[in-house]
PDB file of all heavy atoms in Angstrom:
ATOM      1  N   GLU A   1      -7.415  -2.706   8.095  1.00  0.00           N
ATOM      2  CA  GLU A   1      -6.981  -2.696   9.478  1.00  0.00           C
ATOM      3  C   GLU A   1      -5.480  -2.407   9.558  1.00  0.00           C
ATOM      4  O   GLU A   1      -4.725  -2.729   8.666  1.00  0.00           O
ATOM      5  CB  GLU A   1      -7.312  -4.081  10.082  1.00  0.00           C
ATOM      6  CG  GLU A   1      -7.245  -4.174  11.566  1.00  0.00           C
ATOM      7  CD  GLU A   1      -5.881  -4.592  12.088  1.00  0.00           C
ATOM      8  OE1 GLU A   1      -5.069  -5.020  11.285  1.00  0.00           O
ATOM      9  OE2 GLU A   1      -5.657  -4.451  13.284  1.00  0.00           O
ATOM     10  N   PRO A   2      -5.011  -1.654  10.619  1.00  0.00           N
ATOM     11  CA  PRO A   2      -3.614  -1.250  10.664  1.00  0.00           C
ATOM     12  C   PRO A   2      -2.592  -2.379  10.435  1.00  0.00           C
ATOM     13  O   PRO A   2      -1.594  -2.170   9.741  1.00  0.00           O
ATOM     14  CB  PRO A   2      -3.473  -0.612  12.054  1.00  0.00           C
ATOM     15  CG  PRO A   2      -4.878  -0.157  12.392  1.00  0.00           C
ATOM     16  CD  PRO A   2      -5.770  -1.179  11.781  1.00  0.00           C
ATOM     17  N   THR A   3      -2.836  -3.517  11.067  1.00  0.00           N
ATOM     18  CA  THR A   3      -1.869  -4.631  10.882  1.00  0.00           C
ATOM     19  C   THR A   3      -1.882  -5.120   9.455  1.00  0.00           C
ATOM     20  O   THR A   3      -0.824  -5.460   8.892  1.00  0.00           O
ATOM     21  CB  THR A   3      -2.258  -5.807  11.850  1.00  0.00           C
ATOM     22  OG1 THR A   3      -2.303  -5.323  13.180  1.00  0.00           O
ATOM     23  CG2 THR A   3      -1.235  -6.907  11.719  1.00  0.00           C
ATOM     24  N   MET A   4      -3.040  -5.128   8.816  1.00  0.00           N
ATOM     25  CA  MET A   4      -3.146  -5.534   7.405  1.00  0.00           C
ATOM     26  C   MET A   4      -2.457  -4.546   6.536  1.00  0.00           C
ATOM     27  O   MET A   4      -1.752  -4.932   5.554  1.00  0.00           O
ATOM     28  CB  MET A   4      -4.601  -5.693   7.012  1.00  0.00           C
ATOM     29  CG  MET A   4      -4.827  -6.209   5.623  1.00  0.00           C
ATOM     30  SD  MET A   4      -4.181  -7.918   5.380  1.00  0.00           S
ATOM     31  CE  MET A   4      -5.534  -8.834   6.172  1.00  0.00           C
ATOM     32  N   LEU A   5      -2.631  -3.246   6.818  1.00  0.00           N
ATOM     33  CA  LEU A   5      -1.925  -2.245   6.032  1.00  0.00           C
ATOM     34  C   LEU A   5      -0.427  -2.395   6.070  1.00  0.00           C
ATOM     35  O   LEU A   5       0.246  -2.375   5.039  1.00  0.00           O
ATOM     36  CB  LEU A   5      -2.350  -0.840   6.534  1.00  0.00           C
ATOM     37  CG  LEU A   5      -1.693   0.326   5.819  1.00  0.00           C
ATOM     38  CD1 LEU A   5      -2.105   0.374   4.344  1.00  0.00           C
ATOM     39  CD2 LEU A   5      -2.007   1.630   6.511  1.00  0.00           C
ATOM     40  N   GLU A   6       0.105  -2.595   7.267  1.00  0.00           N
ATOM     41  CA  GLU A   6       1.527  -2.798   7.402  1.00  0.00           C
ATOM     42  C   GLU A   6       2.014  -4.065   6.677  1.00  0.00           C
ATOM     43  O   GLU A   6       3.050  -4.092   6.036  1.00  0.00           O
ATOM     44  CB  GLU A   6       1.937  -2.832   8.886  1.00  0.00           C
ATOM     45  CG  GLU A   6       3.426  -2.984   9.095  1.00  0.00           C
ATOM     46  CD  GLU A   6       3.834  -2.776  10.525  1.00  0.00           C
ATOM     47  OE1 GLU A   6       3.011  -2.369  11.369  1.00  0.00           O
ATOM     48  OE2 GLU A   6       5.026  -2.925  10.850  1.00  0.00           O
ATOM     49  N   ARG A   7       1.228  -5.111   6.790  1.00  0.00           N
ATOM     50  CA  ARG A   7       1.541  -6.396   6.184  1.00  0.00           C
ATOM     51  C   ARG A   7       1.622  -6.210   4.641  1.00  0.00           C
ATOM     52  O   ARG A   7       2.543  -6.702   3.983  1.00  0.00           O
ATOM     53  CB  ARG A   7       0.520  -7.444   6.536  1.00  0.00           C
ATOM     54  CG  ARG A   7       0.758  -8.787   5.892  1.00  0.00           C
ATOM     55  CD  ARG A   7      -0.332  -9.787   6.254  1.00  0.00           C
ATOM     56  NE  ARG A   7      -0.334 -10.130   7.678  1.00  0.00           N
ATOM     57  CZ  ARG A   7      -1.338  -9.962   8.523  1.00  0.00           C
ATOM     58  NH1 ARG A   7      -2.476  -9.450   8.066  1.00  0.00           N
ATOM     59  NH2 ARG A   7      -1.247 -10.268   9.767  1.00  0.00           N
ATOM     60  N   TYR A   8       0.626  -5.506   4.085  1.00  0.00           N
ATOM     61  CA  TYR A   8       0.609  -5.304   2.691  1.00  0.00           C
ATOM     62  C   TYR A   8       1.802  -4.465   2.204  1.00  0.00           C
ATOM     63  O   TYR A   8       2.487  -4.873   1.251  1.00  0.00           O
ATOM     64  CB  TYR A   8      -0.672  -4.575   2.256  1.00  0.00           C
ATOM     65  CG  TYR A   8      -0.625  -4.010   0.870  1.00  0.00           C
ATOM     66  CD1 TYR A   8      -0.418  -4.868  -0.264  1.00  0.00           C
ATOM     67  CD2 TYR A   8      -0.724  -2.641   0.628  1.00  0.00           C
ATOM     68  CE1 TYR A   8      -0.299  -4.388  -1.528  1.00  0.00           C
ATOM     69  CE2 TYR A   8      -0.594  -2.176  -0.693  1.00  0.00           C
ATOM     70  CZ  TYR A   8      -0.436  -3.004  -1.724  1.00  0.00           C
ATOM     71  OH  TYR A   8      -0.297  -2.533  -3.037  1.00  0.00           O
ATOM     72  N   ILE A   9       2.110  -3.399   2.866  1.00  0.00           N
ATOM     73  CA  ILE A   9       3.212  -2.551   2.443  1.00  0.00           C
ATOM     74  C   ILE A   9       4.511  -3.331   2.537  1.00  0.00           C
ATOM     75  O   ILE A   9       5.359  -3.282   1.588  1.00  0.00           O
ATOM     76  CB  ILE A   9       3.256  -1.268   3.318  1.00  0.00           C
ATOM     77  CG1 ILE A   9       2.049  -0.404   2.976  1.00  0.00           C
ATOM     78  CG2 ILE A   9       4.574  -0.495   3.112  1.00  0.00           C
ATOM     79  CD1 ILE A   9       1.921   0.832   3.921  1.00  0.00           C
ATOM     80  N   ARG A  10       4.712  -4.050   3.605  1.00  0.00           N
ATOM     81  CA  ARG A  10       5.944  -4.860   3.751  1.00  0.00           C
ATOM     82  C   ARG A  10       6.078  -5.876   2.685  1.00  0.00           C
ATOM     83  O   ARG A  10       7.124  -6.004   2.036  1.00  0.00           O
ATOM     84  CB  ARG A  10       5.985  -5.516   5.129  1.00  0.00           C
ATOM     85  CG  ARG A  10       7.196  -6.485   5.316  1.00  0.00           C
ATOM     86  CD  ARG A  10       7.165  -7.102   6.714  1.00  0.00           C
ATOM     87  NE  ARG A  10       5.944  -7.888   6.948  1.00  0.00           N
ATOM     88  CZ  ARG A  10       5.717  -9.124   6.495  1.00  0.00           C
ATOM     89  NH1 ARG A  10       6.647  -9.700   5.699  1.00  0.00           N
ATOM     90  NH2 ARG A  10       4.607  -9.750   6.800  1.00  0.00           N
ATOM     91  N   GLN A  11       5.018  -6.661   2.453  1.00  0.00           N
ATOM     92  CA  GLN A  11       5.083  -7.705   1.410  1.00  0.00           C
ATOM     93  C   GLN A  11       5.244  -7.141   0.020  1.00  0.00           C
ATOM     94  O   GLN A  11       6.018  -7.716  -0.762  1.00  0.00           O
ATOM     95  CB  GLN A  11       3.770  -8.561   1.471  1.00  0.00           C
ATOM     96  CG  GLN A  11       3.650  -9.463   2.730  1.00  0.00           C
ATOM     97  CD  GLN A  11       2.502 -10.410   2.591  1.00  0.00           C
ATOM     98  OE1 GLN A  11       1.936 -10.639   1.500  1.00  0.00           O
ATOM     99  NE2 GLN A  11       2.057 -10.991   3.687  1.00  0.00           N
ATOM    100  N   TYR A  12       4.608  -6.067  -0.265  1.00  0.00           N
ATOM    101  CA  TYR A  12       4.711  -5.468  -1.604  1.00  0.00           C
ATOM    102  C   TYR A  12       6.089  -5.014  -1.893  1.00  0.00           C
ATOM    103  O   TYR A  12       6.653  -5.247  -2.974  1.00  0.00           O
ATOM    104  CB  TYR A  12       3.681  -4.315  -1.723  1.00  0.00           C
ATOM    105  CG  TYR A  12       3.528  -3.794  -3.148  1.00  0.00           C
ATOM    106  CD1 TYR A  12       3.043  -4.674  -4.141  1.00  0.00           C
ATOM    107  CD2 TYR A  12       3.756  -2.485  -3.449  1.00  0.00           C
ATOM    108  CE1 TYR A  12       2.847  -4.161  -5.433  1.00  0.00           C
ATOM    109  CE2 TYR A  12       3.544  -1.983  -4.719  1.00  0.00           C
ATOM    110  CZ  TYR A  12       3.096  -2.845  -5.721  1.00  0.00           C
ATOM    111  OH  TYR A  12       2.903  -2.381  -7.019  1.00  0.00           O
ATOM    112  N   ILE A  13       6.750  -4.390  -0.891  1.00  0.00           N
ATOM    113  CA  ILE A  13       8.162  -3.966  -1.085  1.00  0.00           C
ATOM    114  C   ILE A  13       9.047  -5.180  -1.190  1.00  0.00           C
ATOM    115  O   ILE A  13       9.940  -5.271  -2.077  1.00  0.00           O
ATOM    116  CB  ILE A  13       8.588  -3.094   0.109  1.00  0.00           C
ATOM    117  CG1 ILE A  13       7.834  -1.768   0.076  1.00  0.00           C
ATOM    118  CG2 ILE A  13      10.104  -2.872   0.055  1.00  0.00           C
ATOM    119  CD1 ILE A  13       8.059  -0.905   1.277  1.00  0.00           C
ATOM    120  N   GLU A  14       8.825  -6.213  -0.383  1.00  0.00           N
ATOM    121  CA  GLU A  14       9.663  -7.408  -0.423  1.00  0.00           C
ATOM    122  C   GLU A  14       9.613  -8.129  -1.747  1.00  0.00           C
ATOM    123  O   GLU A  14      10.617  -8.758  -2.185  1.00  0.00           O
ATOM    124  CB  GLU A  14       9.245  -8.381   0.690  1.00  0.00           C
ATOM    125  CG  GLU A  14       9.559  -7.936   2.109  1.00  0.00           C
ATOM    126  CD  GLU A  14       9.000  -8.905   3.157  1.00  0.00           C
ATOM    127  OE1 GLU A  14       8.104  -9.712   2.784  1.00  0.00           O
ATOM    128  OE2 GLU A  14       9.460  -8.852   4.316  1.00  0.00           O
ATOM    129  N   ALA A  15       8.476  -8.069  -2.401  1.00  0.00           N
ATOM    130  CA  ALA A  15       8.278  -8.861  -3.632  1.00  0.00           C
ATOM    131  C   ALA A  15       8.849  -8.183  -4.886  1.00  0.00           C
ATOM    132  O   ALA A  15       8.907  -8.804  -5.939  1.00  0.00           O
ATOM    133  CB  ALA A  15       6.790  -9.138  -3.836  1.00  0.00           C
ATOM    134  N   GLN A  16       9.165  -6.927  -4.799  1.00  0.00           N
ATOM    135  CA  GLN A  16       9.605  -6.158  -5.957  1.00  0.00           C
ATOM    136  C   GLN A  16      11.130  -6.169  -6.075  1.00  0.00           C
ATOM    137  O   GLN A  16      11.832  -6.161  -5.087  1.00  0.00           O
ATOM    138  CB  GLN A  16       9.129  -4.667  -5.819  1.00  0.00           C
ATOM    139  CG  GLN A  16       7.634  -4.519  -5.635  1.00  0.00           C
ATOM    140  CD  GLN A  16       6.871  -4.624  -6.920  1.00  0.00           C
ATOM    141  OE1 GLN A  16       7.406  -4.496  -8.021  1.00  0.00           O
ATOM    142  NE2 GLN A  16       5.565  -4.847  -6.805  1.00  0.00           N
ATOM    143  N   ASN A  17      11.608  -6.147  -7.339  1.00  0.00           N
ATOM    144  CA  ASN A  17      13.069  -6.109  -7.505  1.00  0.00           C
ATOM    145  C   ASN A  17      13.529  -4.850  -8.300  1.00  0.00           C
ATOM    146  O   ASN A  17      14.680  -4.795  -8.652  1.00  0.00           O
ATOM    147  CB  ASN A  17      13.559  -7.349  -8.248  1.00  0.00           C
ATOM    148  CG  ASN A  17      12.997  -7.518  -9.618  1.00  0.00           C
ATOM    149  OD1 ASN A  17      12.221  -6.647 -10.107  1.00  0.00           O
ATOM    150  ND2 ASN A  17      13.373  -8.580 -10.318  1.00  0.00           N
ATOM    151  N   GLY A  18      12.626  -3.912  -8.539  1.00  0.00           N
ATOM    152  CA  GLY A  18      13.028  -2.728  -9.224  1.00  0.00           C
ATOM    153  C   GLY A  18      13.561  -1.680  -8.297  1.00  0.00           C
ATOM    154  O   GLY A  18      13.387  -1.765  -7.050  1.00  0.00           O
ATOM    155  N   ASN A  19      14.196  -0.642  -8.797  1.00  0.00           N
ATOM    156  CA  ASN A  19      14.695   0.438  -7.967  1.00  0.00           C
ATOM    157  C   ASN A  19      13.603   1.282  -7.396  1.00  0.00           C
ATOM    158  O   ASN A  19      13.773   1.956  -6.352  1.00  0.00           O
ATOM    159  CB  ASN A  19      15.694   1.286  -8.767  1.00  0.00           C
ATOM    160  CG  ASN A  19      16.956   0.595  -9.129  1.00  0.00           C
ATOM    161  OD1 ASN A  19      17.424  -0.285  -8.365  1.00  0.00           O
ATOM    162  ND2 ASN A  19      17.516   0.921 -10.298  1.00  0.00           N
ATOM    163  N   GLU A  20      12.451   1.309  -8.073  1.00  0.00           N
ATOM    164  CA  GLU A  20      11.310   2.105  -7.624  1.00  0.00           C
ATOM    165  C   GLU A  20      10.135   1.178  -7.353  1.00  0.00           C
ATOM    166  O   GLU A  20       9.811   0.293  -8.144  1.00  0.00           O
ATOM    167  CB  GLU A  20      10.934   3.131  -8.662  1.00  0.00           C
ATOM    168  CG  GLU A  20       9.798   4.024  -8.268  1.00  0.00           C
ATOM    169  CD  GLU A  20       9.461   5.070  -9.319  1.00  0.00           C
ATOM    170  OE1 GLU A  20       9.113   4.674 -10.446  1.00  0.00           O
ATOM    171  OE2 GLU A  20       9.552   6.275  -9.021  1.00  0.00           O
ATOM    172  N   VAL A  21       9.499   1.381  -6.234  1.00  0.00           N
ATOM    173  CA  VAL A  21       8.290   0.599  -5.857  1.00  0.00           C
ATOM    174  C   VAL A  21       7.134   1.550  -5.889  1.00  0.00           C
ATOM    175  O   VAL A  21       7.062   2.539  -5.144  1.00  0.00           O
ATOM    176  CB  VAL A  21       8.431  -0.027  -4.441  1.00  0.00           C
ATOM    177  CG1 VAL A  21       7.197  -0.843  -4.091  1.00  0.00           C
ATOM    178  CG2 VAL A  21       9.715  -0.842  -4.304  1.00  0.00           C
ATOM    179  N   ILE A  22       6.139   1.270  -6.787  1.00  0.00           N
ATOM    180  CA  ILE A  22       5.039   2.160  -6.964  1.00  0.00           C
ATOM    181  C   ILE A  22       3.761   1.581  -6.288  1.00  0.00           C
ATOM    182  O   ILE A  22       3.297   0.516  -6.597  1.00  0.00           O
ATOM    183  CB  ILE A  22       4.742   2.343  -8.467  1.00  0.00           C
ATOM    184  CG1 ILE A  22       5.979   2.910  -9.195  1.00  0.00           C
ATOM    185  CG2 ILE A  22       3.529   3.254  -8.697  1.00  0.00           C
ATOM    186  CD1 ILE A  22       5.867   3.038 -10.678  1.00  0.00           C
ATOM    187  N   PHE A  23       3.239   2.381  -5.369  1.00  0.00           N
ATOM    188  CA  PHE A  23       2.002   2.030  -4.681  1.00  0.00           C
ATOM    189  C   PHE A  23       0.837   2.842  -5.302  1.00  0.00           C
ATOM    190  O   PHE A  23       0.958   4.026  -5.505  1.00  0.00           O
ATOM    191  CB  PHE A  23       2.083   2.398  -3.196  1.00  0.00           C
ATOM    192  CG  PHE A  23       2.898   1.387  -2.363  1.00  0.00           C
ATOM    193  CD1 PHE A  23       4.259   1.551  -2.279  1.00  0.00           C
ATOM    194  CD2 PHE A  23       2.306   0.390  -1.700  1.00  0.00           C
ATOM    195  CE1 PHE A  23       5.037   0.703  -1.540  1.00  0.00           C
ATOM    196  CE2 PHE A  23       3.033  -0.489  -0.927  1.00  0.00           C
ATOM    197  CZ  PHE A  23       4.406  -0.366  -0.840  1.00  0.00           C
ATOM    198  N   SER A  24      -0.272   2.155  -5.583  1.00  0.00           N
ATOM    199  CA  SER A  24      -1.468   2.801  -6.133  1.00  0.00           C
ATOM    200  C   SER A  24      -2.605   2.606  -5.169  1.00  0.00           C
ATOM    201  O   SER A  24      -2.913   1.494  -4.728  1.00  0.00           O
ATOM    202  CB  SER A  24      -1.800   2.217  -7.493  1.00  0.00           C
ATOM    203  OG  SER A  24      -0.773   2.476  -8.402  1.00  0.00           O
ATOM    204  N   TRP A  25      -3.283   3.699  -4.828  1.00  0.00           N
ATOM    205  CA  TRP A  25      -4.345   3.693  -3.861  1.00  0.00           C
ATOM    206  C   TRP A  25      -5.630   4.162  -4.541  1.00  0.00           C
ATOM    207  O   TRP A  25      -5.710   5.166  -5.184  1.00  0.00           O
ATOM    208  CB  TRP A  25      -4.022   4.602  -2.675  1.00  0.00           C
ATOM    209  CG  TRP A  25      -2.696   4.298  -2.099  1.00  0.00           C
ATOM    210  CD1 TRP A  25      -1.481   4.940  -2.343  1.00  0.00           C
ATOM    211  CD2 TRP A  25      -2.380   3.249  -1.141  1.00  0.00           C
ATOM    212  NE1 TRP A  25      -0.471   4.363  -1.585  1.00  0.00           N
ATOM    213  CE2 TRP A  25      -0.989   3.323  -0.841  1.00  0.00           C
ATOM    214  CE3 TRP A  25      -3.131   2.282  -0.533  1.00  0.00           C
ATOM    215  CZ2 TRP A  25      -0.379   2.453  -0.020  1.00  0.00           C
ATOM    216  CZ3 TRP A  25      -2.537   1.376   0.347  1.00  0.00           C
ATOM    217  CH2 TRP A  25      -1.167   1.477   0.621  1.00  0.00           C
ATOM    218  N   GLN A  26      -6.669   3.288  -4.430  1.00  0.00           N
ATOM    219  CA  GLN A  26      -7.901   3.573  -5.103  1.00  0.00           C
ATOM    220  C   GLN A  26      -9.072   3.107  -4.219  1.00  0.00           C
ATOM    221  O   GLN A  26      -8.871   2.794  -3.084  1.00  0.00           O
ATOM    222  CB  GLN A  26      -7.932   2.823  -6.474  1.00  0.00           C
ATOM    223  CG  GLN A  26      -8.946   3.415  -7.456  1.00  0.00           C
ATOM    224  CD  GLN A  26      -8.949   2.673  -8.771  1.00  0.00           C
ATOM    225  OE1 GLN A  26      -9.162   1.469  -8.784  1.00  0.00           O
ATOM    226  NE2 GLN A  26      -8.725   3.349  -9.870  1.00  0.00           N
ATOM    227  N   GLY A  27     -10.264   3.104  -4.743  1.00  0.00           N
ATOM    228  CA  GLY A  27     -11.421   2.672  -4.012  1.00  0.00           C
ATOM    229  C   GLY A  27     -12.524   2.211  -4.962  1.00  0.00           C
ATOM    230  O   GLY A  27     -12.168   1.660  -6.027  1.00  0.00           O
ATOM    231  N   GLY A  28     -13.734   2.508  -4.623  1.00  0.00           N
ATOM    232  CA  GLY A  28     -14.233   3.542  -3.701  1.00  0.00           C
ATOM    233  C   GLY A  28     -13.509   4.871  -3.833  1.00  0.00           C
ATOM    234  O   GLY A  28     -12.909   5.194  -4.820  1.00  0.00           O
ATOM    235  N   GLU A  29     -13.660   5.656  -2.746  1.00  0.00           N
ATOM    236  CA  GLU A  29     -13.000   6.965  -2.675  1.00  0.00           C
ATOM    237  C   GLU A  29     -11.980   6.945  -1.554  1.00  0.00           C
ATOM    238  O   GLU A  29     -12.389   7.047  -0.390  1.00  0.00           O
ATOM    239  CB  GLU A  29     -14.016   8.079  -2.530  1.00  0.00           C
ATOM    240  CG  GLU A  29     -13.417   9.443  -2.329  1.00  0.00           C
ATOM    241  CD  GLU A  29     -12.328   9.775  -3.354  1.00  0.00           C
ATOM    242  OE1 GLU A  29     -12.573   9.511  -4.558  1.00  0.00           O
ATOM    243  OE2 GLU A  29     -11.280  10.299  -2.963  1.00  0.00           O
ATOM    244  N   PRO A  30     -10.686   6.831  -1.852  1.00  0.00           N
ATOM    245  CA  PRO A  30      -9.686   6.673  -0.783  1.00  0.00           C
ATOM    246  C   PRO A  30      -9.519   7.855   0.121  1.00  0.00           C
ATOM    247  O   PRO A  30      -9.089   7.681   1.274  1.00  0.00           O
ATOM    248  CB  PRO A  30      -8.396   6.360  -1.573  1.00  0.00           C
ATOM    249  CG  PRO A  30      -8.645   6.910  -2.918  1.00  0.00           C
ATOM    250  CD  PRO A  30     -10.114   6.731  -3.187  1.00  0.00           C
ATOM    251  N   THR A  31      -9.895   9.083  -0.329  1.00  0.00           N
ATOM    252  CA  THR A  31      -9.699  10.176   0.543  1.00  0.00           C
ATOM    253  C   THR A  31     -10.683  10.152   1.733  1.00  0.00           C
ATOM    254  O   THR A  31     -10.454  10.853   2.752  1.00  0.00           O
ATOM    255  CB  THR A  31      -9.909  11.553  -0.212  1.00  0.00           C
ATOM    256  OG1 THR A  31     -11.200  11.549  -0.798  1.00  0.00           O
ATOM    257  CG2 THR A  31      -8.819  11.694  -1.268  1.00  0.00           C
ATOM    258  N   MET A  32     -11.729   9.343   1.677  1.00  0.00           N
ATOM    259  CA  MET A  32     -12.608   9.162   2.802  1.00  0.00           C
ATOM    260  C   MET A  32     -11.897   8.525   4.016  1.00  0.00           C
ATOM    261  O   MET A  32     -12.434   8.560   5.111  1.00  0.00           O
ATOM    262  CB  MET A  32     -13.843   8.322   2.386  1.00  0.00           C
ATOM    263  CG  MET A  32     -14.754   9.019   1.433  1.00  0.00           C
ATOM    264  SD  MET A  32     -16.226   8.037   1.063  1.00  0.00           S
ATOM    265  CE  MET A  32     -17.115   8.099   2.635  1.00  0.00           C
ATOM    266  N   LEU A  33     -10.741   7.918   3.740  1.00  0.00           N
ATOM    267  CA  LEU A  33      -9.984   7.292   4.857  1.00  0.00           C
ATOM    268  C   LEU A  33      -9.389   8.350   5.757  1.00  0.00           C
ATOM    269  O   LEU A  33      -9.032   8.071   6.939  1.00  0.00           O
ATOM    270  CB  LEU A  33      -8.849   6.419   4.271  1.00  0.00           C
ATOM    271  CG  LEU A  33      -9.321   5.143   3.587  1.00  0.00           C
ATOM    272  CD1 LEU A  33      -8.231   4.630   2.686  1.00  0.00           C
ATOM    273  CD2 LEU A  33      -9.678   4.101   4.642  1.00  0.00           C
ATOM    274  N   GLY A  34      -9.228   9.565   5.286  1.00  0.00           N
ATOM    275  CA  GLY A  34      -8.679  10.629   6.107  1.00  0.00           C
ATOM    276  C   GLY A  34      -7.165  10.746   5.965  1.00  0.00           C
ATOM    277  O   GLY A  34      -6.472   9.782   5.619  1.00  0.00           O
ATOM    278  N   LEU A  35      -6.616  11.909   6.302  1.00  0.00           N
ATOM    279  CA  LEU A  35      -5.205  12.158   6.143  1.00  0.00           C
ATOM    280  C   LEU A  35      -4.374  11.303   7.066  1.00  0.00           C
ATOM    281  O   LEU A  35      -3.255  10.867   6.696  1.00  0.00           O
ATOM    282  CB  LEU A  35      -4.925  13.639   6.433  1.00  0.00           C
ATOM    283  CG  LEU A  35      -4.864  14.559   5.192  1.00  0.00           C
ATOM    284  CD1 LEU A  35      -4.685  15.997   5.587  1.00  0.00           C
ATOM    285  CD2 LEU A  35      -3.722  14.103   4.267  1.00  0.00           C
TER     286      LEU A  35
END
């Protein structure tokens, strides 16, 4: 859900202390979510 997506991205960035934050998207098949 959109609010959950924003919550996840915000929390994941907040919790990291490296210069680079790496997001990994998987599934299932994530391209079914659409562009």
